[in-house]
Amino acid sequence: MNNYYRNYQTAITDILPTVARYMNIMIPRRDLMEIDGTSLIGKISIASPIVHYSNNRIDIGWQSLDETGNVKIWVATTNNFKLGGTDTYHLLAETPILAKSASIDLGPYPSSFYKIVLEASFNMVNRWIFVK
């Protein structure tokens, strides 16, 4: 078991990525961006994302389980994946993982729905935002 398992609140969504990693099942990147869990085995870079939306900006925070590398912050404004389609993700920023936060303007991507994906060296985590 890894540091995520030992130090963070785990969830039922962590089972799929754990089994896939254990069985060496390679999940396509487009599907990885949609998976909500974090593997309980192997190396993990990032966990526990928090996203706050206000006035077309998002403030993002995360816990770093790795001391090197960057976090790529992606956004999609659709959920075509749920019907078997593909969502287009846009790279918003790349920041050092140890920064543990970022603030980003979503003005160029107006929407009432956002999928935010944080990609680090060993894993991805995500959050959805519904704008009222």
Protein backbone atom coordinates (compact mmCIF):
# COMPACT_ATOMS: atom_id res chain seq x y z
CA MET A 1 0.00 0.00 0.00
CA ASN A 2 1.21 3.53 -0.77
CA ASN A 3 1.31 6.85 1.11
CA TYR A 4 -2.10 7.82 -0.23
CA TYR A 5 -3.61 4.72 1.39
CA ARG A 6 -1.78 5.32 4.67
CA ASN A 7 -2.37 9.06 5.02
CA TYR A 8 -5.58 10.09 3.21
CA GLN A 9 -9.28 9.28 3.18
CA THR A 10 -9.76 6.50 0.66
CA ALA A 11 -12.99 5.88 -1.26
CA ILE A 12 -14.75 3.15 -3.20
CA THR A 13 -13.71 4.95 -6.41
CA ASP A 14 -10.11 4.00 -5.57
CA ILE A 15 -10.79 0.32 -6.31
CA LEU A 16 -10.79 0.57 -10.13
CA PRO A 17 -7.43 2.35 -10.49
CA THR A 18 -5.91 0.06 -7.83
CA VAL A 19 -7.00 -3.15 -9.58
CA ALA A 20 -5.95 -1.80 -12.98
CA ARG A 21 -2.49 -0.93 -11.66
CA TYR A 22 -2.15 -4.29 -9.87
CA MET A 23 -3.08 -6.18 -13.04
CA ASN A 24 -0.93 -3.92 -15.27
CA ILE A 25 -3.98 -2.91 -17.31
CA MET A 26 -3.12 0.11 -19.43
CA ILE A 27 -6.07 2.51 -19.41
CA PRO A 28 -6.19 4.89 -22.40
CA ARG A 29 -5.36 8.50 -21.54
CA ARG A 30 -8.83 9.79 -22.49
CA ASP A 31 -10.33 7.34 -20.00
CA LEU A 32 -7.76 8.12 -17.29
CA MET A 33 -8.92 11.73 -17.37
CA GLU A 34 -12.42 10.53 -16.44
CA ILE A 35 -11.54 8.15 -13.60
CA ASP A 36 -12.42 9.55 -10.19
CA GLY A 37 -10.27 7.35 -7.93
CA THR A 38 -6.62 7.13 -6.94
CA SER A 39 -4.63 3.90 -6.87
CA LEU A 40 -3.86 2.55 -3.41
CA ILE A 41 -0.67 0.88 -4.64
CA GLY A 42 2.40 2.18 -6.45
CA LYS A 43 3.68 5.71 -6.76
CA ILE A 44 1.25 8.62 -6.44
CA SER A 45 2.13 12.27 -7.07
CA ILE A 46 -1.02 14.17 -6.19
CA ALA A 47 -4.17 13.72 -4.08
CA SER A 48 -7.15 15.49 -2.52
CA PRO A 49 -7.88 18.19 -5.10
CA ILE A 50 -10.00 21.13 -4.01
CA VAL A 51 -11.50 23.54 -6.55
CA HIS A 52 -13.38 26.77 -5.79
CA TYR A 53 -15.11 28.78 -8.53
CA SER A 54 -15.90 32.50 -8.34
CA ASN A 55 -16.29 35.18 -11.03
CA ASN A 56 -14.86 33.10 -13.89
CA ARG A 57 -11.82 32.07 -11.82
CA ILE A 58 -10.89 28.81 -10.18
CA ASP A 59 -8.68 28.47 -7.15
CA ILE A 60 -7.22 24.98 -7.02
CA GLY A 61 -5.44 23.23 -4.20
CA TRP A 62 -3.95 19.75 -3.85
CA GLN A 63 -1.79 17.60 -1.63
CA SER A 64 1.62 16.69 -2.99
CA LEU A 65 2.92 13.16 -2.46
CA ASP A 66 5.93 13.77 -4.68
CA GLU A 67 8.63 16.40 -4.28
CA THR A 68 9.54 16.80 -7.94
CA GLY A 69 7.74 17.55 -11.14
CA ASN A 70 4.86 19.71 -12.25
CA VAL A 71 1.09 19.63 -12.27
CA LYS A 72 -0.65 20.18 -15.59
CA ILE A 73 -4.09 21.72 -15.13
CA TRP A 74 -6.63 20.76 -17.82
CA VAL A 75 -10.23 21.85 -18.39
CA ALA A 76 -13.12 20.52 -20.48
CA THR A 77 -16.48 22.27 -20.79
CA THR A 78 -18.45 19.26 -21.99
CA ASN A 79 -19.36 15.79 -20.77
CA ASN A 80 -19.57 13.93 -24.07
CA PHE A 81 -17.74 11.01 -22.45
CA LYS A 82 -20.90 9.88 -20.65
CA LEU A 83 -22.48 9.05 -24.03
CA GLY A 84 -19.36 7.41 -25.45
CA GLY A 85 -17.99 10.57 -27.00
CA THR A 86 -14.78 12.47 -26.42
CA ASP A 87 -14.25 15.66 -24.46
CA THR A 88 -11.71 18.24 -25.57
CA TYR A 89 -9.39 19.20 -22.74
CA HIS A 90 -7.45 22.47 -22.81
CA LEU A 91 -4.17 22.90 -20.95
CA LEU A 92 -4.68 25.92 -18.68
CA ALA A 93 -1.41 25.95 -16.76
CA GLU A 94 1.57 23.98 -15.57
CA THR A 95 2.93 24.67 -12.11
CA PRO A 96 5.43 23.01 -9.73
CA ILE A 97 3.76 20.27 -7.71
CA LEU A 98 5.14 21.70 -4.48
CA ALA A 99 3.23 24.96 -5.07
CA LYS A 100 0.13 23.00 -3.98
CA SER A 101 -2.17 25.64 -5.48
CA ALA A 102 -3.03 27.67 -8.56
CA SER A 103 -5.49 30.40 -9.51
CA ILE A 104 -6.72 30.41 -13.11
CA ASP A 105 -8.96 32.64 -15.21
CA LEU A 106 -11.66 30.65 -17.04
CA GLY A 107 -12.79 33.68 -19.06
CA PRO A 108 -11.62 32.15 -22.38
CA TYR A 109 -13.77 29.07 -21.66
CA PRO A 110 -17.27 30.29 -20.75
CA SER A 111 -19.51 27.46 -19.57
CA SER A 112 -21.91 26.37 -16.87
CA PHE A 113 -19.97 23.12 -16.44
CA TYR A 114 -16.25 22.37 -16.08
CA LYS A 115 -14.21 19.21 -15.69
CA ILE A 116 -10.88 20.06 -14.07
CA VAL A 117 -8.08 17.48 -14.30
CA LEU A 118 -4.77 17.75 -12.46
CA GLU A 119 -2.09 15.63 -14.10
CA ALA A 120 1.16 14.86 -12.29
CA SER A 121 3.99 12.39 -12.92
CA PHE A 122 2.32 9.27 -11.51
CA ASN A 123 -1.42 9.97 -11.50
CA MET A 124 -4.33 12.26 -12.34
CA VAL A 125 -7.12 13.59 -10.11
CA ASN A 126 -10.23 15.50 -11.11
CA ARG A 127 -13.13 17.61 -9.95
CA TRP A 128 -16.29 18.87 -11.65
CA ILE A 129 -17.77 22.34 -11.29
CA PHE A 130 -21.40 23.27 -11.98
CA VAL A 131 -21.86 27.05 -12.25
CA LYS A 132 -25.22 28.38 -11.07
